[in-house]
């Protein structure tokens, strides 16, 4: 993958994370999406990991997989028109 595409992905991820933040405050966002996003945020900020970091590779992989996967699932839970406005 080229360096430019990584930069584009990072830019899109940053935009989507901010859009999710805005969607949290939108009354049209379903309650279950808000709860799911809160769980993902708490997992990310929590000092307790599902897989401890001292386990080689898997400990770090947990952090690298859960957050992007959580963002992807949260984006699908929120109505398209809400996400369009938040973006």
PDB file of N, CA and C in Angstrom:
ATOM      1  N   UNK A   1       0.828  -1.170   0.000  1.00  0.00           N
ATOM      2  CA  UNK A   1       0.000   0.000   0.000  1.00  0.00           C
ATOM      3  C   UNK A   1       0.879   1.242   0.000  1.00  0.00           C
ATOM      4  N   UNK A   2       0.499   2.210  -0.758  1.00  0.00           N
ATOM      5  CA  UNK A   2       1.313   3.407  -0.841  1.00  0.00           C
ATOM      6  C   UNK A   2       1.117   4.286   0.389  1.00  0.00           C
ATOM      7  N   UNK A   3       2.076   5.164   0.599  1.00  0.00           N
ATOM      8  CA  UNK A   3       2.037   6.051   1.753  1.00  0.00           C
ATOM      9  C   UNK A   3       0.844   7.001   1.692  1.00  0.00           C
ATOM     10  N   UNK A   4       0.507   7.432   0.498  1.00  0.00           N
ATOM     11  CA  UNK A   4      -0.628   8.328   0.321  1.00  0.00           C
ATOM     12  C   UNK A   4      -1.935   7.701   0.771  1.00  0.00           C
ATOM     13  N   UNK A   5      -2.118   6.412   0.489  1.00  0.00           N
ATOM     14  CA  UNK A   5      -3.364   5.767   0.888  1.00  0.00           C
ATOM     15  C   UNK A   5      -3.442   5.630   2.409  1.00  0.00           C
ATOM     16  N   UNK A   6      -2.312   5.433   3.086  1.00  0.00           N
ATOM     17  CA  UNK A   6      -2.304   5.383   4.554  1.00  0.00           C
ATOM     18  C   UNK A   6      -2.700   6.741   5.125  1.00  0.00           C
ATOM     19  N   UNK A   7      -2.204   7.805   4.495  1.00  0.00           N
ATOM     20  CA  UNK A   7      -2.553   9.146   4.955  1.00  0.00           C
ATOM     21  C   UNK A   7      -4.046   9.405   4.755  1.00  0.00           C
ATOM     22  N   UNK A   8      -4.577   8.948   3.624  1.00  0.00           N
ATOM     23  CA  UNK A   8      -6.001   9.110   3.352  1.00  0.00           C
ATOM     24  C   UNK A   8      -6.837   8.351   4.371  1.00  0.00           C
ATOM     25  N   UNK A   9      -6.431   7.133   4.662  1.00  0.00           N
ATOM     26  CA  UNK A   9      -7.163   6.327   5.640  1.00  0.00           C
ATOM     27  C   UNK A   9      -7.136   6.984   7.011  1.00  0.00           C
ATOM     28  N   UNK A  10      -5.991   7.502   7.398  1.00  0.00           N
ATOM     29  CA  UNK A  10      -5.870   8.172   8.692  1.00  0.00           C
ATOM     30  C   UNK A  10      -6.760   9.411   8.739  1.00  0.00           C
ATOM     31  N   UNK A  11      -6.809  10.127   7.645  1.00  0.00           N
ATOM     32  CA  UNK A  11      -7.647  11.327   7.556  1.00  0.00           C
ATOM     33  C   UNK A  11      -9.127  10.954   7.667  1.00  0.00           C
ATOM     34  N   UNK A  12      -9.536   9.885   6.977  1.00  0.00           N
ATOM     35  CA  UNK A  12     -10.924   9.433   7.036  1.00  0.00           C
ATOM     36  C   UNK A  12     -11.275   8.925   8.432  1.00  0.00           C
ATOM     37  N   UNK A  13     -10.342   8.216   9.056  1.00  0.00           N
ATOM     38  CA  UNK A  13     -10.571   7.705  10.405  1.00  0.00           C
ATOM     39  C   UNK A  13     -10.750   8.863  11.387  1.00  0.00           C
ATOM     40  N   UNK A  14      -9.924   9.881  11.260  1.00  0.00           N
ATOM     41  CA  UNK A  14     -10.029  11.051  12.126  1.00  0.00           C
ATOM     42  C   UNK A  14     -11.380  11.735  11.930  1.00  0.00           C
ATOM     43  N   UNK A  15     -11.794  11.881  10.680  1.00  0.00           N
ATOM     44  CA  UNK A  15     -13.088  12.500  10.382  1.00  0.00           C
ATOM     45  C   UNK A  15     -14.238  11.676  10.961  1.00  0.00           C
ATOM     46  N   UNK A  16     -14.157  10.352  10.816  1.00  0.00           N
ATOM     47  CA  UNK A  16     -15.220   9.479  11.307  1.00  0.00           C
ATOM     48  C   UNK A  16     -15.295   9.470  12.831  1.00  0.00           C
ATOM     49  N   UNK A  17     -14.158   9.520  13.500  1.00  0.00           N
ATOM     50  CA  UNK A  17     -14.150   9.553  14.963  1.00  0.00           C
ATOM     51  C   UNK A  17     -14.817  10.834  15.447  1.00  0.00           C
ATOM     52  N   UNK A  18     -14.515  11.954  14.814  1.00  0.00           N
ATOM     53  CA  UNK A  18     -15.151  13.215  15.196  1.00  0.00           C
ATOM     54  C   UNK A  18     -16.643  13.174  14.868  1.00  0.00           C
ATOM     55  N   UNK A  19     -17.002  12.576  13.748  1.00  0.00           N
ATOM     56  CA  UNK A  19     -18.418  12.459  13.385  1.00  0.00           C
ATOM     57  C   UNK A  19     -19.155  11.582  14.395  1.00  0.00           C
ATOM     58  N   UNK A  20     -18.524  10.521  14.873  1.00  0.00           N
ATOM     59  CA  UNK A  20     -19.141   9.683  15.899  1.00  0.00           C
ATOM     60  C   UNK A  20     -19.350  10.472  17.185  1.00  0.00           C
ATOM     61  N   UNK A  21     -18.383  11.310  17.519  1.00  0.00           N
ATOM     62  CA  UNK A  21     -18.507  12.165  18.702  1.00  0.00           C
ATOM     63  C   UNK A  21     -19.726  13.069  18.566  1.00  0.00           C
ATOM     64  N   UNK A  22     -19.908  13.664  17.393  1.00  0.00           N
ATOM     65  CA  UNK A  22     -21.063  14.525  17.156  1.00  0.00           C
ATOM     66  C   UNK A  22     -22.364  13.716  17.163  1.00  0.00           C
ATOM     67  N   UNK A  23     -22.312  12.506  16.623  1.00  0.00           N
ATOM     68  CA  UNK A  23     -23.502  11.648  16.570  1.00  0.00           C
ATOM     69  C   UNK A  23     -23.942  11.211  17.966  1.00  0.00           C
ATOM     70  N   UNK A  24     -23.011  11.126  18.897  1.00  0.00           N
ATOM     71  CA  UNK A  24     -23.375  10.765  20.272  1.00  0.00           C
ATOM     72  C   UNK A  24     -24.384  11.747  20.850  1.00  0.00           C
ATOM     73  N   UNK A  25     -24.273  13.008  20.514  1.00  0.00           N
ATOM     74  CA  UNK A  25     -25.170  14.024  21.033  1.00  0.00           C
ATOM     75  C   UNK A  25     -26.453  14.200  20.234  1.00  0.00           C
ATOM     76  N   UNK A  26     -26.555  13.526  19.098  1.00  0.00           N
ATOM     77  CA  UNK A  26     -27.729  13.674  18.245  1.00  0.00           C
ATOM     78  C   UNK A  26     -28.873  12.799  18.766  1.00  0.00           C
ATOM     79  N   UNK A  27     -30.062  13.373  18.954  1.00  0.00           N
ATOM     80  CA  UNK A  27     -31.181  12.581  19.469  1.00  0.00           C
ATOM     81  C   UNK A  27     -31.674  11.491  18.510  1.00  0.00           C
ATOM     82  N   UNK A  28     -31.300  11.567  17.244  1.00  0.00           N
ATOM     83  CA  UNK A  28     -31.717  10.540  16.275  1.00  0.00           C
ATOM     84  C   UNK A  28     -30.838   9.299  16.322  1.00  0.00           C
ATOM     85  N   UNK A  29     -29.725   9.365  17.066  1.00  0.00           N
ATOM     86  CA  UNK A  29     -28.847   8.220  17.202  1.00  0.00           C
ATOM     87  C   UNK A  29     -29.494   7.228  18.165  1.00  0.00           C
ATOM     88  N   UNK A  30     -29.634   5.961  17.766  1.00  0.00           N
ATOM     89  CA  UNK A  30     -30.272   4.961  18.636  1.00  0.00           C
ATOM     90  C   UNK A  30     -29.493   4.774  19.946  1.00  0.00           C
ATOM     91  N   UNK A  31     -30.223   4.438  21.000  1.00  0.00           N
ATOM     92  CA  UNK A  31     -29.608   4.279  22.310  1.00  0.00           C
ATOM     93  C   UNK A  31     -28.548   3.180  22.306  1.00  0.00           C
ATOM     94  N   UNK A  32     -28.807   2.080  21.567  1.00  0.00           N
ATOM     95  CA  UNK A  32     -27.857   0.968  21.562  1.00  0.00           C
ATOM     96  C   UNK A  32     -26.539   1.362  20.882  1.00  0.00           C
ATOM     97  N   UNK A  33     -26.594   2.272  19.920  1.00  0.00           N
ATOM     98  CA  UNK A  33     -25.364   2.762  19.288  1.00  0.00           C
ATOM     99  C   UNK A  33     -24.581   3.620  20.273  1.00  0.00           C
ATOM    100  N   UNK A  34     -25.293   4.417  21.063  1.00  0.00           N
ATOM    101  CA  UNK A  34     -24.629   5.245  22.071  1.00  0.00           C
ATOM    102  C   UNK A  34     -23.965   4.376  23.132  1.00  0.00           C
ATOM    103  N   UNK A  35     -24.645   3.325  23.568  1.00  0.00           N
ATOM    104  CA  UNK A  35     -24.066   2.408  24.568  1.00  0.00           C
ATOM    105  C   UNK A  35     -22.847   1.708  23.984  1.00  0.00           C
ATOM    106  N   UNK A  36     -22.954   1.252  22.734  1.00  0.00           N
ATOM    107  CA  UNK A  36     -21.829   0.566  22.099  1.00  0.00           C
ATOM    108  C   UNK A  36     -20.617   1.481  21.987  1.00  0.00           C
ATOM    109  N   UNK A  37     -20.848   2.730  21.584  1.00  0.00           N
ATOM    110  CA  UNK A  37     -19.732   3.678  21.465  1.00  0.00           C
ATOM    111  C   UNK A  37     -19.121   3.966  22.833  1.00  0.00           C
ATOM    112  N   UNK A  38     -19.940   4.041  23.865  1.00  0.00           N
ATOM    113  CA  UNK A  38     -19.418   4.266  25.216  1.00  0.00           C
ATOM    114  C   UNK A  38     -18.541   3.099  25.653  1.00  0.00           C
ATOM    115  N   UNK A  39     -18.952   1.877  25.325  1.00  0.00           N
ATOM    116  CA  UNK A  39     -18.153   0.690  25.670  1.00  0.00           C
ATOM    117  C   UNK A  39     -16.816   0.718  24.934  1.00  0.00           C
ATOM    118  N   UNK A  40     -16.821   1.073  23.660  1.00  0.00           N
ATOM    119  CA  UNK A  40     -15.579   1.143  22.883  1.00  0.00           C
ATOM    120  C   UNK A  40     -14.651   2.213  23.458  1.00  0.00           C
ATOM    121  N   UNK A  41     -15.202   3.364  23.804  1.00  0.00           N
ATOM    122  CA  UNK A  41     -14.392   4.439  24.380  1.00  0.00           C
ATOM    123  C   UNK A  41     -13.812   4.001  25.719  1.00  0.00           C
ATOM    124  N   UNK A  42     -14.640   3.386  26.565  1.00  0.00           N
ATOM    125  CA  UNK A  42     -14.161   2.920  27.867  1.00  0.00           C
ATOM    126  C   UNK A  42     -13.077   1.854  27.715  1.00  0.00           C
ATOM    127  N   UNK A  43     -13.253   0.955  26.747  1.00  0.00           N
ATOM    128  CA  UNK A  43     -12.236  -0.075  26.521  1.00  0.00           C
ATOM    129  C   UNK A  43     -10.920   0.562  26.096  1.00  0.00           C
ATOM    130  N   UNK A  44     -11.013   1.554  25.229  1.00  0.00           N
ATOM    131  CA  UNK A  44      -9.807   2.208  24.726  1.00  0.00           C
ATOM    132  C   UNK A  44      -9.076   2.955  25.835  1.00  0.00           C
ATOM    133  N   UNK A  45      -9.812   3.625  26.696  1.00  0.00           N
ATOM    134  CA  UNK A  45      -9.200   4.429  27.757  1.00  0.00           C
ATOM    135  C   UNK A  45      -8.878   3.632  29.021  1.00  0.00           C
ATOM    136  N   UNK A  46      -9.437   2.455  29.127  1.00  0.00           N
ATOM    137  CA  UNK A  46      -9.267   1.645  30.334  1.00  0.00           C
ATOM    138  C   UNK A  46      -7.843   1.093  30.446  1.00  0.00           C
ATOM    139  N   UNK A  47      -7.299   1.072  31.652  1.00  0.00           N
ATOM    140  CA  UNK A  47      -5.983   0.469  31.836  1.00  0.00           C
ATOM    141  C   UNK A  47      -6.049  -1.063  31.811  1.00  0.00           C
ATOM    142  N   UNK A  48      -7.251  -1.626  31.886  1.00  0.00           N
ATOM    143  CA  UNK A  48      -7.426  -3.077  31.861  1.00  0.00           C
ATOM    144  C   UNK A  48      -7.665  -3.507  30.414  1.00  0.00           C
ATOM    145  N   UNK A  49      -6.858  -4.447  29.928  1.00  0.00           N
ATOM    146  CA  UNK A  49      -6.989  -4.947  28.557  1.00  0.00           C
ATOM    147  C   UNK A  49      -7.662  -6.308  28.547  1.00  0.00           C
ATOM    148  N   UNK A  50      -8.340  -6.619  27.431  1.00  0.00           N
ATOM    149  CA  UNK A  50      -8.880  -7.965  27.267  1.00  0.00           C
ATOM    150  C   UNK A  50      -7.747  -8.978  27.219  1.00  0.00           C
ATOM    151  N   UNK A  51      -6.713  -8.626  26.497  1.00  0.00           N
ATOM    152  CA  UNK A  51      -5.499  -9.451  26.416  1.00  0.00           C
ATOM    153  C   UNK A  51      -4.356  -8.581  26.915  1.00  0.00           C
ATOM    154  N   UNK A  52      -3.698  -8.988  28.001  1.00  0.00           N
ATOM    155  CA  UNK A  52      -2.624  -8.149  28.574  1.00  0.00           C
ATOM    156  C   UNK A  52      -1.512  -7.858  27.555  1.00  0.00           C
ATOM    157  N   UNK A  53      -0.947  -6.642  27.656  1.00  0.00           N
ATOM    158  CA  UNK A  53       0.085  -6.202  26.712  1.00  0.00           C
ATOM    159  C   UNK A  53       1.385  -6.995  26.819  1.00  0.00           C
ATOM    160  N   UNK A  54       1.635  -7.651  27.953  1.00  0.00           N
ATOM    161  CA  UNK A  54       2.891  -8.382  28.082  1.00  0.00           C
ATOM    162  C   UNK A  54       2.907  -9.673  27.268  1.00  0.00           C
ATOM    163  N   UNK A  55       1.751 -10.102  26.743  1.00  0.00           N
ATOM    164  CA  UNK A  55       1.723 -11.265  25.855  1.00  0.00           C
ATOM    165  C   UNK A  55       2.197 -10.790  24.486  1.00  0.00           C
ATOM    166  N   UNK A  56       3.294 -11.346  23.969  1.00  0.00           N
ATOM    167  CA  UNK A  56       3.849 -10.860  22.702  1.00  0.00           C
ATOM    168  C   UNK A  56       2.822 -10.873  21.564  1.00  0.00           C
ATOM    169  N   UNK A  57       2.831  -9.873  20.786  1.00  0.00           N
ATOM    170  CA  UNK A  57       2.010  -9.649  19.596  1.00  0.00           C
ATOM    171  C   UNK A  57       0.513  -9.528  19.920  1.00  0.00           C
ATOM    172  N   UNK A  58      -0.069 -10.504  20.591  1.00  0.00           N
ATOM    173  CA  UNK A  58      -1.505 -10.486  20.857  1.00  0.00           C
ATOM    174  C   UNK A  58      -1.921  -9.314  21.737  1.00  0.00           C
ATOM    175  N   UNK A  59      -1.090  -8.938  22.686  1.00  0.00           N
ATOM    176  CA  UNK A  59      -1.416  -7.826  23.578  1.00  0.00           C
ATOM    177  C   UNK A  59      -1.569  -6.518  22.833  1.00  0.00           C
ATOM    178  N   UNK A  60      -0.683  -6.245  21.905  1.00  0.00           N
ATOM    179  CA  UNK A  60      -0.768  -5.022  21.115  1.00  0.00           C
ATOM    180  C   UNK A  60      -1.824  -5.143  20.018  1.00  0.00           C
ATOM    181  N   UNK A  61      -1.985  -6.342  19.490  1.00  0.00           N
ATOM    182  CA  UNK A  61      -2.959  -6.573  18.425  1.00  0.00           C
ATOM    183  C   UNK A  61      -4.377  -6.297  18.920  1.00  0.00           C
ATOM    184  N   UNK A  62      -4.626  -6.601  20.186  1.00  0.00           N
ATOM    185  CA  UNK A  62      -5.924  -6.326  20.784  1.00  0.00           C
ATOM    186  C   UNK A  62      -6.286  -4.855  20.606  1.00  0.00           C
ATOM    187  N   UNK A  63      -5.370  -3.970  20.953  1.00  0.00           N
ATOM    188  CA  UNK A  63      -5.628  -2.533  20.836  1.00  0.00           C
ATOM    189  C   UNK A  63      -5.764  -2.086  19.385  1.00  0.00           C
ATOM    190  N   UNK A  64      -4.997  -2.690  18.511  1.00  0.00           N
ATOM    191  CA  UNK A  64      -5.026  -2.289  17.097  1.00  0.00           C
ATOM    192  C   UNK A  64      -6.248  -2.806  16.350  1.00  0.00           C
ATOM    193  N   UNK A  65      -6.895  -3.828  16.876  1.00  0.00           N
ATOM    194  CA  UNK A  65      -8.052  -4.414  16.199  1.00  0.00           C
ATOM    195  C   UNK A  65      -9.369  -3.912  16.788  1.00  0.00           C
ATOM    196  N   UNK A  66      -9.452  -3.843  18.112  1.00  0.00           N
ATOM    197  CA  UNK A  66     -10.725  -3.514  18.757  1.00  0.00           C
ATOM    198  C   UNK A  66     -11.213  -2.114  18.395  1.00  0.00           C
ATOM    199  N   UNK A  67     -10.349  -1.125  18.446  1.00  0.00           N
ATOM    200  CA  UNK A  67     -10.782   0.249  18.172  1.00  0.00           C
ATOM    201  C   UNK A  67     -11.271   0.438  16.730  1.00  0.00           C
ATOM    202  N   UNK A  68     -10.498   0.075  15.706  1.00  0.00           N
ATOM    203  CA  UNK A  68     -11.016   0.256  14.339  1.00  0.00           C
ATOM    204  C   UNK A  68     -12.271  -0.583  14.055  1.00  0.00           C
ATOM    205  N   UNK A  69     -12.305  -1.795  14.602  1.00  0.00           N
ATOM    206  CA  UNK A  69     -13.483  -2.640  14.407  1.00  0.00           C
ATOM    207  C   UNK A  69     -14.693  -2.024  15.105  1.00  0.00           C
ATOM    208  N   UNK A  70     -14.489  -1.508  16.303  1.00  0.00           N
ATOM    209  CA  UNK A  70     -15.571  -0.851  17.028  1.00  0.00           C
ATOM    210  C   UNK A  70     -16.091   0.371  16.301  1.00  0.00           C
ATOM    211  N   UNK A  71     -15.184   1.159  15.755  1.00  0.00           N
ATOM    212  CA  UNK A  71     -15.587   2.341  14.988  1.00  0.00           C
ATOM    213  C   UNK A  71     -16.402   1.919  13.770  1.00  0.00           C
ATOM    214  N   UNK A  72     -15.945   0.885  13.091  1.00  0.00           N
ATOM    215  CA  UNK A  72     -16.639   0.395  11.905  1.00  0.00           C
ATOM    216  C   UNK A  72     -18.059  -0.079  12.241  1.00  0.00           C
ATOM    217  N   UNK A  73     -18.201  -0.816  13.326  1.00  0.00           N
ATOM    218  CA  UNK A  73     -19.521  -1.307  13.730  1.00  0.00           C
ATOM    219  C   UNK A  73     -20.413  -0.136  14.155  1.00  0.00           C
ATOM    220  N   UNK A  74     -19.865   0.805  14.897  1.00  0.00           N
ATOM    221  CA  UNK A  74     -20.638   1.967  15.348  1.00  0.00           C
ATOM    222  C   UNK A  74     -21.138   2.777  14.154  1.00  0.00           C
ATOM    223  N   UNK A  75     -20.318   2.919  13.134  1.00  0.00           N
ATOM    224  CA  UNK A  75     -20.732   3.663  11.941  1.00  0.00           C
ATOM    225  C   UNK A  75     -21.930   3.014  11.263  1.00  0.00           C
ATOM    226  N   UNK A  76     -22.004   1.688  11.335  1.00  0.00           N
ATOM    227  CA  UNK A  76     -23.130   0.980  10.714  1.00  0.00           C
ATOM    228  C   UNK A  76     -24.395   1.069  11.558  1.00  0.00           C
ATOM    229  N   UNK A  77     -24.250   1.309  12.858  1.00  0.00           N
ATOM    230  CA  UNK A  77     -25.412   1.373  13.747  1.00  0.00           C
ATOM    231  C   UNK A  77     -26.163   2.702  13.645  1.00  0.00           C
ATOM    232  N   UNK A  78     -25.477   3.729  13.211  1.00  0.00           N
ATOM    233  CA  UNK A  78     -26.057   5.071  13.186  1.00  0.00           C
ATOM    234  C   UNK A  78     -26.700   5.305  11.824  1.00  0.00           C
ATOM    235  N   UNK A  79     -27.908   5.885  11.816  1.00  0.00           N
ATOM    236  CA  UNK A  79     -28.579   6.158  10.535  1.00  0.00           C
ATOM    237  C   UNK A  79     -27.698   6.996   9.599  1.00  0.00           C
ATOM    238  N   UNK A  80     -27.776   6.685   8.325  1.00  0.00           N
ATOM    239  CA  UNK A  80     -26.924   7.320   7.316  1.00  0.00           C
ATOM    240  C   UNK A  80     -27.096   8.836   7.282  1.00  0.00           C
ATOM    241  N   UNK A  81     -28.332   9.318   7.421  1.00  0.00           N
ATOM    242  CA  UNK A  81     -28.540  10.766   7.357  1.00  0.00           C
ATOM    243  C   UNK A  81     -27.893  11.484   8.533  1.00  0.00           C
ATOM    244  N   UNK A  82     -27.863  10.836   9.689  1.00  0.00           N
ATOM    245  CA  UNK A  82     -27.183  11.433  10.857  1.00  0.00           C
ATOM    246  C   UNK A  82     -25.691  11.508  10.587  1.00  0.00           C
ATOM    247  N   UNK A  83     -25.113  10.427  10.090  1.00  0.00           N
ATOM    248  CA  UNK A  83     -23.675  10.425   9.811  1.00  0.00           C
ATOM    249  C   UNK A  83     -23.315  11.428   8.722  1.00  0.00           C
ATOM    250  N   UNK A  84     -24.154  11.544   7.727  1.00  0.00           N
ATOM    251  CA  UNK A  84     -23.901  12.499   6.651  1.00  0.00           C
ATOM    252  C   UNK A  84     -23.829  13.921   7.209  1.00  0.00           C
ATOM    253  N   UNK A  85     -24.772  14.258   8.080  1.00  0.00           N
ATOM    254  CA  UNK A  85     -24.771  15.596   8.678  1.00  0.00           C
ATOM    255  C   UNK A  85     -23.578  15.795   9.618  1.00  0.00           C
ATOM    256  N   UNK A  86     -23.218  14.780  10.370  1.00  0.00           N
ATOM    257  CA  UNK A  86     -22.104  14.896  11.316  1.00  0.00           C
ATOM    258  C   UNK A  86     -20.760  14.997  10.605  1.00  0.00           C
ATOM    259  N   UNK A  87     -20.647  14.344   9.456  1.00  0.00           N
ATOM    260  CA  UNK A  87     -19.388  14.424   8.700  1.00  0.00           C
ATOM    261  C   UNK A  87     -19.249  15.805   8.113  1.00  0.00           C
TER     262      UNK A  87
END
